[in-house]
Protein backbone atom coordinates (compact mmCIF):
# COMPACT_ATOMS: atom_id res chain seq x y z
CA UNK A 1 -42.57 6.28 -20.07
CA UNK A 2 -40.80 4.68 -16.96
CA UNK A 3 -40.20 6.35 -13.62
CA UNK A 4 -36.67 6.79 -12.17
CA UNK A 5 -37.31 5.24 -9.12
CA UNK A 6 -38.46 1.78 -10.50
CA UNK A 7 -35.00 1.25 -12.24
CA UNK A 8 -32.90 2.77 -9.77
CA UNK A 9 -31.94 -0.07 -7.75
CA UNK A 10 -30.26 -1.60 -10.95
CA UNK A 11 -28.30 1.38 -11.82
CA UNK A 12 -24.93 2.15 -10.04
CA UNK A 13 -25.22 5.31 -7.72
CA UNK A 14 -21.50 5.99 -7.64
CA UNK A 15 -18.32 5.02 -9.10
CA UNK A 16 -17.58 2.69 -6.07
CA UNK A 17 -21.23 0.78 -6.85
CA UNK A 18 -19.79 0.58 -10.59
CA UNK A 19 -16.39 -0.78 -9.61
CA UNK A 20 -17.98 -3.37 -7.27
CA UNK A 21 -19.85 -4.84 -10.09
CA UNK A 22 -16.49 -5.17 -12.11
CA UNK A 23 -14.70 -6.36 -8.75
CA UNK A 24 -13.26 -9.70 -9.87
CA UNK A 25 -11.66 -8.44 -12.98
CA UNK A 26 -10.31 -5.17 -11.46
CA UNK A 27 -9.07 -7.03 -8.58
CA UNK A 28 -6.99 -9.49 -10.68
CA UNK A 29 -5.46 -6.60 -12.74
CA UNK A 30 -4.64 -4.48 -9.48
CA UNK A 31 -3.28 -7.75 -7.93
CA UNK A 32 -1.09 -8.26 -11.04
CA UNK A 33 0.11 -4.71 -11.12
CA UNK A 34 0.95 -4.97 -7.41
CA UNK A 35 2.92 -8.08 -8.05
CA UNK A 36 4.87 -6.28 -10.99
CA UNK A 37 5.62 -3.19 -8.87
CA UNK A 38 6.89 -5.52 -5.99
CA UNK A 39 9.35 -7.49 -8.24
CA UNK A 40 10.46 -4.72 -10.13
CA UNK A 41 11.50 -2.96 -6.89
CA UNK A 42 12.75 -6.08 -5.29
CA UNK A 43 15.02 -6.66 -8.59
CA UNK A 44 16.05 -3.02 -8.76
CA UNK A 45 17.51 -3.13 -5.05
CA UNK A 46 19.59 -6.30 -5.68
CA UNK A 47 20.74 -5.95 -9.30
CA UNK A 48 23.80 -4.00 -10.35
CA UNK A 49 22.95 -0.79 -11.89
CA UNK A 50 24.11 -1.64 -15.45
CA UNK A 51 21.88 -4.94 -15.40
CA UNK A 52 18.91 -2.97 -13.70
CA UNK A 53 18.59 -0.51 -16.15
CA UNK A 54 18.23 -3.23 -19.12
CA UNK A 55 15.00 -4.92 -17.42
CA UNK A 56 12.17 -3.66 -19.21
CA UNK A 57 9.45 -5.69 -17.54
CA UNK A 58 8.62 -8.13 -14.96
CA UNK A 59 5.51 -10.45 -14.79
CA UNK A 60 4.24 -13.14 -12.53
CA UNK A 61 1.79 -15.76 -14.03
CA UNK A 62 0.95 -19.13 -12.72
CA UNK A 63 3.79 -19.65 -10.44
CA UNK A 64 6.36 -18.44 -12.82
CA UNK A 65 8.30 -15.20 -12.53
CA UNK A 66 9.07 -13.79 -15.95
CA UNK A 67 11.80 -11.13 -16.15
CA UNK A 68 12.32 -9.24 -19.45
CA UNK A 69 15.54 -7.65 -20.90
CA UNK A 70 15.95 -5.56 -23.65
CA UNK A 71 18.20 -7.50 -25.77
CA UNK A 72 19.60 -11.03 -25.97
CA UNK A 73 23.13 -9.93 -24.81
CA UNK A 74 21.57 -8.58 -21.44
CA UNK A 75 19.26 -11.33 -21.17
CA UNK A 76 22.43 -13.75 -21.00
CA UNK A 77 23.91 -11.43 -18.31
CA UNK A 78 20.44 -11.20 -16.34
CA UNK A 79 20.26 -15.09 -16.38
CA UNK A 80 23.45 -15.35 -14.47
CA UNK A 81 22.53 -12.49 -12.06
CA UNK A 82 19.21 -14.35 -11.79
CA UNK A 83 20.81 -17.51 -10.81
CA UNK A 84 22.84 -15.81 -7.95
CA UNK A 85 19.58 -14.35 -6.85
CA UNK A 86 17.37 -17.42 -7.23
CA UNK A 87 17.45 -18.65 -3.58
CA UNK A 88 16.50 -15.15 -2.36
CA UNK A 89 13.66 -14.97 -5.13
CA UNK A 90 12.36 -18.34 -3.91
CA UNK A 91 12.46 -17.06 -0.27
CA UNK A 92 10.69 -13.94 -1.32
CA UNK A 93 7.94 -15.87 -2.82
CA UNK A 94 8.03 -19.78 -1.89
CA UNK A 95 4.94 -20.33 -4.27
CA UNK A 96 7.27 -19.59 -7.33
CA UNK A 97 7.83 -22.79 -9.39
CA UNK A 98 9.99 -21.30 -12.17
CA UNK A 99 11.79 -18.24 -12.95
CA UNK A 100 12.54 -17.32 -16.68
CA UNK A 101 14.43 -14.61 -18.40
CA UNK A 102 13.13 -13.53 -21.72
CA UNK A 103 13.82 -10.88 -24.38
CA UNK A 104 11.38 -7.99 -25.00
CA UNK A 105 12.89 -5.06 -27.15
CA UNK A 106 12.03 -1.61 -25.84
CA UNK A 107 10.09 0.53 -28.61
């Protein structure tokens, strides 16, 4: 039988300790979620209401901002809107190297 005190240093004592051990993965996920929220809000403030309601996702990966539209038709309209906003998008994040619009149908 083991005593509880001998192994206690290896066990997390709180949720904070547990999360600290998973820090890098959780930090990356949290950062991605924060960037998605930022771009979603940023685009919502600048796109026309009819186009804004057709955006079904935003992701930033390796210097590429990907904006998802719910249909191919809305994707085409969104591309034109994004072209007009491109200087402002690049000013908001100068590290972006590409901006893409893709189709991602809603379920």
